[in-house]
Amino acid sequence: TNGTLRASHEEGFDGRRQSLGGYQEGCVGTVTQRRVLDALEGAYPVLRGTIRDHQTKLRRPFVRFFACGEDLSNDDPDTPLPGSEPYLVVGAMAGG
């Protein structure tokens, strides 16, 4: 069903499949932005504070979140994610 985490394996930068945040295969509940980002930061501690502020857990400027062609950057982080498409964390670039 939409909004449930079925598997937690994603392609790593080196092309190997890696576990994301210790989730196991199988349904583990509703998938929200907060759960995905918590798992990502748990699996890759170097990202803590770069995607979200350490204290407030709010999105950093110039970071955007997308899923199913929708910009979810300003949505409540506890709202279930739509569909089963990849969740994208995109760093924007600015300058001139």
PDB file of N, CA and C in Angstrom:
ATOM      1  N   THR A   1       0.836  -1.188   0.000  1.00  0.00           N
ATOM      2  CA  THR A   1       0.000   0.000   0.000  1.00  0.00           C
ATOM      3  C   THR A   1       0.877   1.245   0.000  1.00  0.00           C
ATOM      4  N   ASN A   2       0.303   2.356  -0.450  1.00  0.00           N
ATOM      5  CA  ASN A   2       1.045   3.604  -0.461  1.00  0.00           C
ATOM      6  C   ASN A   2       1.360   4.045   0.957  1.00  0.00           C
ATOM      7  N   GLY A   3       2.542   4.637   1.138  1.00  0.00           N
ATOM      8  CA  GLY A   3       2.895   5.183   2.431  1.00  0.00           C
ATOM      9  C   GLY A   3       3.465   4.192   3.417  1.00  0.00           C
ATOM     10  N   THR A   4       3.763   2.959   3.020  1.00  0.00           N
ATOM     11  CA  THR A   4       4.385   2.028   3.943  1.00  0.00           C
ATOM     12  C   THR A   4       5.751   1.626   3.419  1.00  0.00           C
ATOM     13  N   LEU A   5       6.680   1.487   4.326  1.00  0.00           N
ATOM     14  CA  LEU A   5       8.037   1.115   3.966  1.00  0.00           C
ATOM     15  C   LEU A   5       8.112  -0.386   3.775  1.00  0.00           C
ATOM     16  N   ARG A   6       8.390  -0.820   2.561  1.00  0.00           N
ATOM     17  CA  ARG A   6       8.452  -2.242   2.245  1.00  0.00           C
ATOM     18  C   ARG A   6       9.875  -2.759   2.280  1.00  0.00           C
ATOM     19  N   ALA A   7      10.824  -1.946   1.922  1.00  0.00           N
ATOM     20  CA  ALA A   7      12.228  -2.351   1.940  1.00  0.00           C
ATOM     21  C   ALA A   7      13.054  -1.112   2.177  1.00  0.00           C
ATOM     22  N   SER A   8      14.230  -1.300   2.704  1.00  0.00           N
ATOM     23  CA  SER A   8      15.035  -0.147   3.067  1.00  0.00           C
ATOM     24  C   SER A   8      16.374  -0.145   2.365  1.00  0.00           C
ATOM     25  N   HIS A   9      16.512  -0.876   1.301  1.00  0.00           N
ATOM     26  CA  HIS A   9      17.789  -0.943   0.628  1.00  0.00           C
ATOM     27  C   HIS A   9      17.809   0.029  -0.536  1.00  0.00           C
ATOM     28  N   GLU A  10      18.855   0.798  -0.614  1.00  0.00           N
ATOM     29  CA  GLU A  10      19.031   1.763  -1.687  1.00  0.00           C
ATOM     30  C   GLU A  10      20.411   1.560  -2.283  1.00  0.00           C
ATOM     31  N   GLU A  11      20.586   2.000  -3.515  1.00  0.00           N
ATOM     32  CA  GLU A  11      21.888   1.906  -4.153  1.00  0.00           C
ATOM     33  C   GLU A  11      22.841   2.875  -3.473  1.00  0.00           C
ATOM     34  N   GLY A  12      24.003   2.401  -3.088  1.00  0.00           N
ATOM     35  CA  GLY A  12      25.039   3.260  -2.547  1.00  0.00           C
ATOM     36  C   GLY A  12      25.787   3.926  -3.680  1.00  0.00           C
ATOM     37  N   PHE A  13      26.638   4.874  -3.347  1.00  0.00           N
ATOM     38  CA  PHE A  13      27.385   5.578  -4.376  1.00  0.00           C
ATOM     39  C   PHE A  13      28.307   4.637  -5.146  1.00  0.00           C
ATOM     40  N   ASP A  14      28.697   3.544  -4.517  1.00  0.00           N
ATOM     41  CA  ASP A  14      29.596   2.608  -5.193  1.00  0.00           C
ATOM     42  C   ASP A  14      28.818   1.519  -5.937  1.00  0.00           C
ATOM     43  N   GLY A  15      27.494   1.629  -5.990  1.00  0.00           N
ATOM     44  CA  GLY A  15      26.675   0.691  -6.747  1.00  0.00           C
ATOM     45  C   GLY A  15      26.230  -0.529  -5.963  1.00  0.00           C
ATOM     46  N   ARG A  16      26.744  -0.721  -4.743  1.00  0.00           N
ATOM     47  CA  ARG A  16      26.308  -1.862  -3.936  1.00  0.00           C
ATOM     48  C   ARG A  16      25.012  -1.506  -3.217  1.00  0.00           C
ATOM     49  N   ARG A  17      24.218  -2.520  -2.923  1.00  0.00           N
ATOM     50  CA  ARG A  17      22.991  -2.287  -2.175  1.00  0.00           C
ATOM     51  C   ARG A  17      23.336  -2.240  -0.693  1.00  0.00           C
ATOM     52  N   GLN A  18      22.796  -1.219  -0.012  1.00  0.00           N
ATOM     53  CA  GLN A  18      23.122  -1.012   1.386  1.00  0.00           C
ATOM     54  C   GLN A  18      21.850  -0.863   2.196  1.00  0.00           C
ATOM     55  N   SER A  19      21.911  -1.256   3.457  1.00  0.00           N
ATOM     56  CA  SER A  19      20.786  -1.091   4.349  1.00  0.00           C
ATOM     57  C   SER A  19      20.700   0.372   4.762  1.00  0.00           C
ATOM     58  N   LEU A  20      19.496   0.900   4.887  1.00  0.00           N
ATOM     59  CA  LEU A  20      19.296   2.282   5.265  1.00  0.00           C
ATOM     60  C   LEU A  20      18.731   2.338   6.675  1.00  0.00           C
ATOM     61  N   GLY A  21      19.547   2.709   7.627  1.00  0.00           N
ATOM     62  CA  GLY A  21      19.090   2.937   8.988  1.00  0.00           C
ATOM     63  C   GLY A  21      18.663   1.694   9.738  1.00  0.00           C
ATOM     64  N   GLY A  22      19.066   0.523   9.320  1.00  0.00           N
ATOM     65  CA  GLY A  22      18.763  -0.688  10.054  1.00  0.00           C
ATOM     66  C   GLY A  22      17.380  -1.252   9.820  1.00  0.00           C
ATOM     67  N   TYR A  23      16.578  -0.663   8.926  1.00  0.00           N
ATOM     68  CA  TYR A  23      15.276  -1.242   8.622  1.00  0.00           C
ATOM     69  C   TYR A  23      15.465  -2.566   7.901  1.00  0.00           C
ATOM     70  N   GLN A  24      14.581  -3.468   8.137  1.00  0.00           N
ATOM     71  CA  GLN A  24      14.647  -4.785   7.510  1.00  0.00           C
ATOM     72  C   GLN A  24      13.573  -4.894   6.447  1.00  0.00           C
ATOM     73  N   GLU A  25      13.705  -5.894   5.586  1.00  0.00           N
ATOM     74  CA  GLU A  25      12.666  -6.152   4.594  1.00  0.00           C
ATOM     75  C   GLU A  25      11.344  -6.386   5.319  1.00  0.00           C
ATOM     76  N   GLY A  26      10.262  -5.963   4.712  1.00  0.00           N
ATOM     77  CA  GLY A  26       8.944  -6.164   5.289  1.00  0.00           C
ATOM     78  C   GLY A  26       8.320  -4.840   5.684  1.00  0.00           C
ATOM     79  N   CYS A  27       7.068  -4.857   5.930  1.00  0.00           N
ATOM     80  CA  CYS A  27       6.338  -3.653   6.256  1.00  0.00           C
ATOM     81  C   CYS A  27       6.661  -3.226   7.686  1.00  0.00           C
ATOM     82  N   VAL A  28       7.123  -1.990   7.864  1.00  0.00           N
ATOM     83  CA  VAL A  28       7.489  -1.520   9.196  1.00  0.00           C
ATOM     84  C   VAL A  28       6.685  -0.305   9.613  1.00  0.00           C
ATOM     85  N   GLY A  29       5.658   0.036   8.879  1.00  0.00           N
ATOM     86  CA  GLY A  29       4.815   1.154   9.274  1.00  0.00           C
ATOM     87  C   GLY A  29       4.773   2.246   8.228  1.00  0.00           C
ATOM     88  N   THR A  30       4.157   3.338   8.599  1.00  0.00           N
ATOM     89  CA  THR A  30       3.965   4.458   7.690  1.00  0.00           C
ATOM     90  C   THR A  30       5.279   5.163   7.419  1.00  0.00           C
ATOM     91  N   VAL A  31       5.526   5.461   6.161  1.00  0.00           N
ATOM     92  CA  VAL A  31       6.746   6.156   5.765  1.00  0.00           C
ATOM     93  C   VAL A  31       6.468   7.644   5.697  1.00  0.00           C
ATOM     94  N   THR A  32       7.228   8.400   6.455  1.00  0.00           N
ATOM     95  CA  THR A  32       7.124   9.853   6.459  1.00  0.00           C
ATOM     96  C   THR A  32       8.495  10.435   6.139  1.00  0.00           C
ATOM     97  N   GLN A  33       8.514  11.721   5.827  1.00  0.00           N
ATOM     98  CA  GLN A  33       9.797  12.380   5.592  1.00  0.00           C
ATOM     99  C   GLN A  33      10.692  12.254   6.824  1.00  0.00           C
ATOM    100  N   ARG A  34      10.117  12.454   8.001  1.00  0.00           N
ATOM    101  CA  ARG A  34      10.907  12.373   9.233  1.00  0.00           C
ATOM    102  C   ARG A  34      11.564  10.993   9.378  1.00  0.00           C
ATOM    103  N   ARG A  35      10.817   9.933   9.127  1.00  0.00           N
ATOM    104  CA  ARG A  35      11.371   8.577   9.271  1.00  0.00           C
ATOM    105  C   ARG A  35      12.476   8.317   8.255  1.00  0.00           C
ATOM    106  N   VAL A  36      12.275   8.771   7.017  1.00  0.00           N
ATOM    107  CA  VAL A  36      13.288   8.574   5.988  1.00  0.00           C
ATOM    108  C   VAL A  36      14.556   9.347   6.342  1.00  0.00           C
ATOM    109  N   LEU A  37      14.402  10.608   6.735  1.00  0.00           N
ATOM    110  CA  LEU A  37      15.573  11.419   7.065  1.00  0.00           C
ATOM    111  C   LEU A  37      16.267  10.932   8.332  1.00  0.00           C
ATOM    112  N   ASP A  38      15.498  10.477   9.323  1.00  0.00           N
ATOM    113  CA  ASP A  38      16.107   9.886  10.527  1.00  0.00           C
ATOM    114  C   ASP A  38      16.933   8.662  10.153  1.00  0.00           C
ATOM    115  N   ALA A  39      16.389   7.812   9.277  1.00  0.00           N
ATOM    116  CA  ALA A  39      17.104   6.603   8.851  1.00  0.00           C
ATOM    117  C   ALA A  39      18.351   6.963   8.049  1.00  0.00           C
ATOM    118  N   LEU A  40      18.237   7.958   7.180  1.00  0.00           N
ATOM    119  CA  LEU A  40      19.373   8.387   6.370  1.00  0.00           C
ATOM    120  C   LEU A  40      20.491   8.929   7.258  1.00  0.00           C
ATOM    121  N   GLU A  41      20.136   9.780   8.205  1.00  0.00           N
ATOM    122  CA  GLU A  41      21.144  10.340   9.110  1.00  0.00           C
ATOM    123  C   GLU A  41      21.698   9.277  10.060  1.00  0.00           C
ATOM    124  N   GLY A  42      20.888   8.276  10.381  1.00  0.00           N
ATOM    125  CA  GLY A  42      21.382   7.175  11.206  1.00  0.00           C
ATOM    126  C   GLY A  42      22.391   6.315  10.471  1.00  0.00           C
ATOM    127  N   ALA A  43      22.132   6.088   9.194  1.00  0.00           N
ATOM    128  CA  ALA A  43      23.028   5.272   8.378  1.00  0.00           C
ATOM    129  C   ALA A  43      24.288   6.037   7.965  1.00  0.00           C
ATOM    130  N   TYR A  44      24.145   7.348   7.803  1.00  0.00           N
ATOM    131  CA  TYR A  44      25.256   8.194   7.359  1.00  0.00           C
ATOM    132  C   TYR A  44      25.373   9.386   8.314  1.00  0.00           C
ATOM    133  N   PRO A  45      25.969   9.197   9.500  1.00  0.00           N
ATOM    134  CA  PRO A  45      26.028  10.255  10.517  1.00  0.00           C
ATOM    135  C   PRO A  45      26.677  11.555  10.034  1.00  0.00           C
ATOM    136  N   VAL A  46      27.537  11.475   9.035  1.00  0.00           N
ATOM    137  CA  VAL A  46      28.176  12.686   8.518  1.00  0.00           C
ATOM    138  C   VAL A  46      27.145  13.657   7.936  1.00  0.00           C
ATOM    139  N   LEU A  47      25.955  13.172   7.589  1.00  0.00           N
ATOM    140  CA  LEU A  47      24.907  14.027   7.037  1.00  0.00           C
ATOM    141  C   LEU A  47      24.123  14.787   8.103  1.00  0.00           C
ATOM    142  N   ARG A  48      24.273  14.396   9.375  1.00  0.00           N
ATOM    143  CA  ARG A  48      23.536  15.075  10.452  1.00  0.00           C
ATOM    144  C   ARG A  48      23.893  16.553  10.464  1.00  0.00           C
ATOM    145  N   GLY A  49      22.872  17.382  10.423  1.00  0.00           N
ATOM    146  CA  GLY A  49      23.070  18.822  10.434  1.00  0.00           C
ATOM    147  C   GLY A  49      23.245  19.434   9.059  1.00  0.00           C
ATOM    148  N   THR A  50      23.418  18.621   8.029  1.00  0.00           N
ATOM    149  CA  THR A  50      23.578  19.178   6.689  1.00  0.00           C
ATOM    150  C   THR A  50      22.250  19.259   5.947  1.00  0.00           C
ATOM    151  N   ILE A  51      21.354  18.327   6.204  1.00  0.00           N
ATOM    152  CA  ILE A  51      20.039  18.313   5.557  1.00  0.00           C
ATOM    153  C   ILE A  51      19.026  19.059   6.417  1.00  0.00           C
ATOM    154  N   ARG A  52      19.089  18.811   7.726  1.00  0.00           N
ATOM    155  CA  ARG A  52      18.191  19.458   8.687  1.00  0.00           C
ATOM    156  C   ARG A  52      19.023  20.076   9.804  1.00  0.00           C
ATOM    157  N   ASP A  53      18.502  21.126  10.413  1.00  0.00           N
ATOM    158  CA  ASP A  53      19.144  21.758  11.552  1.00  0.00           C
ATOM    159  C   ASP A  53      19.220  20.763  12.713  1.00  0.00           C
ATOM    160  N   HIS A  54      20.350  20.741  13.437  1.00  0.00           N
ATOM    161  CA  HIS A  54      20.526  19.817  14.563  1.00  0.00           C
ATOM    162  C   HIS A  54      19.428  19.964  15.613  1.00  0.00           C
ATOM    163  N   GLN A  55      19.117  21.187  15.987  1.00  0.00           N
ATOM    164  CA  GLN A  55      18.182  21.432  17.078  1.00  0.00           C
ATOM    165  C   GLN A  55      16.715  21.329  16.647  1.00  0.00           C
ATOM    166  N   THR A  56      16.361  22.062  15.603  1.00  0.00           N
ATOM    167  CA  THR A  56      14.950  22.170  15.226  1.00  0.00           C
ATOM    168  C   THR A  56      14.481  21.059  14.301  1.00  0.00           C
ATOM    169  N   LYS A  57      15.409  20.379  13.646  1.00  0.00           N
ATOM    170  CA  LYS A  57      15.111  19.350  12.647  1.00  0.00           C
ATOM    171  C   LYS A  57      14.378  19.920  11.430  1.00  0.00           C
ATOM    172  N   LEU A  58      14.469  21.247  11.243  1.00  0.00           N
ATOM    173  CA  LEU A  58      13.870  21.880  10.075  1.00  0.00           C
ATOM    174  C   LEU A  58      14.835  21.800   8.896  1.00  0.00           C
ATOM    175  N   ARG A  59      14.268  21.762   7.712  1.00  0.00           N
ATOM    176  CA  ARG A  59      15.046  21.698   6.472  1.00  0.00           C
ATOM    177  C   ARG A  59      15.987  22.883   6.386  1.00  0.00           C
ATOM    178  N   ARG A  60      17.212  22.607   5.952  1.00  0.00           N
ATOM    179  CA  ARG A  60      18.188  23.667   5.726  1.00  0.00           C
ATOM    180  C   ARG A  60      17.817  24.438   4.457  1.00  0.00           C
ATOM    181  N   PRO A  61      18.197  25.735   4.408  1.00  0.00           N
ATOM    182  CA  PRO A  61      17.986  26.479   3.157  1.00  0.00           C
ATOM    183  C   PRO A  61      18.728  25.794   2.011  1.00  0.00           C
ATOM    184  N   PHE A  62      18.206  25.893   0.840  1.00  0.00           N
ATOM    185  CA  PHE A  62      18.791  25.324  -0.372  1.00  0.00           C
ATOM    186  C   PHE A  62      18.759  23.799  -0.418  1.00  0.00           C
ATOM    187  N   VAL A  63      17.964  23.182   0.438  1.00  0.00           N
ATOM    188  CA  VAL A  63      17.716  21.737   0.362  1.00  0.00           C
ATOM    189  C   VAL A  63      16.229  21.561   0.110  1.00  0.00           C
ATOM    190  N   ARG A  64      15.896  20.728  -0.869  1.00  0.00           N
ATOM    191  CA  ARG A  64      14.503  20.489  -1.215  1.00  0.00           C
ATOM    192  C   ARG A  64      14.217  18.995  -1.172  1.00  0.00           C
ATOM    193  N   PHE A  65      12.960  18.628  -0.880  1.00  0.00           N
ATOM    194  CA  PHE A  65      12.530  17.238  -0.812  1.00  0.00           C
ATOM    195  C   PHE A  65      11.443  16.997  -1.856  1.00  0.00           C
ATOM    196  N   PHE A  66      11.571  15.897  -2.624  1.00  0.00           N
ATOM    197  CA  PHE A  66      10.607  15.568  -3.664  1.00  0.00           C
ATOM    198  C   PHE A  66      10.231  14.089  -3.591  1.00  0.00           C
ATOM    199  N   ALA A  67       8.979  13.790  -3.963  1.00  0.00           N
ATOM    200  CA  ALA A  67       8.509  12.410  -4.144  1.00  0.00           C
ATOM    201  C   ALA A  67       7.315  12.456  -5.084  1.00  0.00           C
ATOM    202  N   CYS A  68       7.248  11.499  -5.993  1.00  0.00           N
ATOM    203  CA  CYS A  68       6.135  11.396  -6.948  1.00  0.00           C
ATOM    204  C   CYS A  68       5.897  12.697  -7.701  1.00  0.00           C
ATOM    205  N   GLY A  69       6.968  13.385  -8.071  1.00  0.00           N
ATOM    206  CA  GLY A  69       6.847  14.622  -8.822  1.00  0.00           C
ATOM    207  C   GLY A  69       6.338  15.802  -8.017  1.00  0.00           C
ATOM    208  N   GLU A  70       6.240  15.660  -6.703  1.00  0.00           N
ATOM    209  CA  GLU A  70       5.735  16.726  -5.847  1.00  0.00           C
ATOM    210  C   GLU A  70       6.862  17.290  -4.999  1.00  0.00           C
ATOM    211  N   ASP A  71       6.860  18.616  -4.811  1.00  0.00           N
ATOM    212  CA  ASP A  71       7.797  19.272  -3.909  1.00  0.00           C
ATOM    213  C   ASP A  71       7.211  19.187  -2.503  1.00  0.00           C
ATOM    214  N   LEU A  72       7.865  18.437  -1.639  1.00  0.00           N
ATOM    215  CA  LEU A  72       7.376  18.214  -0.277  1.00  0.00           C
ATOM    216  C   LEU A  72       8.152  19.035   0.747  1.00  0.00           C
ATOM    217  N   SER A  73       8.958  19.959   0.278  1.00  0.00           N
ATOM    218  CA  SER A  73       9.874  20.700   1.138  1.00  0.00           C
ATOM    219  C   SER A  73       9.193  21.432   2.285  1.00  0.00           C
ATOM    220  N   ASN A  74       8.004  21.935   2.079  1.00  0.00           N
ATOM    221  CA  ASN A  74       7.318  22.703   3.122  1.00  0.00           C
ATOM    222  C   ASN A  74       6.190  21.927   3.789  1.00  0.00           C
ATOM    223  N   ASP A  75       6.064  20.638   3.459  1.00  0.00           N
ATOM    224  CA  ASP A  75       5.024  19.800   4.070  1.00  0.00           C
ATOM    225  C   ASP A  75       5.410  19.406   5.491  1.00  0.00           C
ATOM    226  N   ASP A  76       4.407  19.062   6.268  1.00  0.00           N
ATOM    227  CA  ASP A  76       4.644  18.536   7.621  1.00  0.00           C
ATOM    228  C   ASP A  76       5.487  17.278   7.506  1.00  0.00           C
ATOM    229  N   PRO A  77       6.584  17.169   8.263  1.00  0.00           N
ATOM    230  CA  PRO A  77       7.461  16.002   8.138  1.00  0.00           C
ATOM    231  C   PRO A  77       6.830  14.684   8.592  1.00  0.00           C
ATOM    232  N   ASP A  78       5.686  14.737   9.260  1.00  0.00           N
ATOM    233  CA  ASP A  78       5.027  13.517   9.719  1.00  0.00           C
ATOM    234  C   ASP A  78       3.864  13.085   8.823  1.00  0.00           C
ATOM    235  N   THR A  79       3.662  13.778   7.714  1.00  0.00           N
ATOM    236  CA  THR A  79       2.650  13.393   6.740  1.00  0.00           C
ATOM    237  C   THR A  79       3.160  12.183   5.957  1.00  0.00           C
ATOM    238  N   PRO A  80       2.346  11.146   5.765  1.00  0.00           N
ATOM    239  CA  PRO A  80       2.793   9.983   4.976  1.00  0.00           C
ATOM    240  C   PRO A  80       3.227  10.398   3.573  1.00  0.00           C
ATOM    241  N   LEU A  81       4.302   9.790   3.097  1.00  0.00           N
ATOM    242  CA  LEU A  81       4.788  10.081   1.751  1.00  0.00           C
ATOM    243  C   LEU A  81       3.839   9.499   0.713  1.00  0.00           C
ATOM    244  N   PRO A  82       3.667  10.217  -0.404  1.00  0.00           N
ATOM    245  CA  PRO A  82       2.772   9.720  -1.447  1.00  0.00           C
ATOM    246  C   PRO A  82       3.435   8.619  -2.269  1.00  0.00           C
ATOM    247  N   GLY A  83       2.655   7.629  -2.676  1.00  0.00           N
ATOM    248  CA  GLY A  83       3.126   6.607  -3.606  1.00  0.00           C
ATOM    249  C   GLY A  83       4.335   5.825  -3.158  1.00  0.00           C
ATOM    250  N   SER A  84       4.976   5.186  -4.113  1.00  0.00           N
ATOM    251  CA  SER A  84       6.132   4.348  -3.800  1.00  0.00           C
ATOM    252  C   SER A  84       7.355   4.761  -4.623  1.00  0.00           C
ATOM    253  N   GLU A  85       7.320   5.954  -5.180  1.00  0.00           N
ATOM    254  CA  GLU A  85       8.453   6.467  -5.948  1.00  0.00           C
ATOM    255  C   GLU A  85       9.587   6.839  -5.005  1.00  0.00           C
ATOM    256  N   PRO A  86      10.796   6.979  -5.535  1.00  0.00           N
ATOM    257  CA  PRO A  86      11.925   7.378  -4.679  1.00  0.00           C
ATOM    258  C   PRO A  86      11.684   8.733  -4.019  1.00  0.00           C
ATOM    259  N   TYR A  87      12.224   8.871  -2.837  1.00  0.00           N
ATOM    260  CA  TYR A  87      12.211  10.135  -2.092  1.00  0.00           C
ATOM    261  C   TYR A  87      13.543  10.806  -2.397  1.00  0.00           C
ATOM    262  N   LEU A  88      13.489  12.022  -2.897  1.00  0.00           N
ATOM    263  CA  LEU A  88      14.693  12.718  -3.326  1.00  0.00           C
ATOM    264  C   LEU A  88      15.021  13.882  -2.397  1.00  0.00           C
ATOM    265  N   VAL A  89      16.273  13.948  -1.977  1.00  0.00           N
ATOM    266  CA  VAL A  89      16.798  15.073  -1.231  1.00  0.00           C
ATOM    267  C   VAL A  89      17.734  15.785  -2.189  1.00  0.00           C
ATOM    268  N   VAL A  90      17.382  17.020  -2.537  1.00  0.00           N
ATOM    269  CA  VAL A  90      18.110  17.741  -3.583  1.00  0.00           C
ATOM    270  C   VAL A  90      18.700  19.017  -3.016  1.00  0.00           C
ATOM    271  N   GLY A  91      19.996  19.165  -3.189  1.00  0.00           N
ATOM    272  CA  GLY A  91      20.678  20.392  -2.807  1.00  0.00           C
ATOM    273  C   GLY A  91      20.642  21.371  -3.961  1.00  0.00           C
ATOM    274  N   ALA A  92      20.120  22.561  -3.716  1.00  0.00           N
ATOM    275  CA  ALA A  92      20.045  23.580  -4.763  1.00  0.00           C
ATOM    276  C   ALA A  92      21.355  24.348  -4.821  1.00  0.00           C
ATOM    277  N   MET A  93      21.649  24.900  -5.984  1.00  0.00           N
ATOM    278  CA  MET A  93      22.834  25.727  -6.153  1.00  0.00           C
ATOM    279  C   MET A  93      22.378  27.136  -6.501  1.00  0.00           C
ATOM    280  N   ALA A  94      23.084  28.106  -5.975  1.00  0.00           N
ATOM    281  CA  ALA A  94      22.775  29.495  -6.270  1.00  0.00           C
ATOM    282  C   ALA A  94      24.063  30.221  -6.598  1.00  0.00           C
ATOM    283  N   GLY A  95      23.941  31.263  -7.283  1.00  0.00           N
ATOM    284  CA  GLY A  95      25.114  32.058  -7.619  1.00  0.00           C
ATOM    285  C   GLY A  95      24.922  32.748  -8.946  1.00  0.00           C
ATOM    286  N   GLY A  96      25.929  33.435  -9.341  1.00  0.00           N
ATOM    287  CA  GLY A  96      25.748  34.177 -10.581  1.00  0.00           C
ATOM    288  C   GLY A  96      26.989  34.294 -11.388  1.00  0.00           C
TER     289      GLY A  96
END
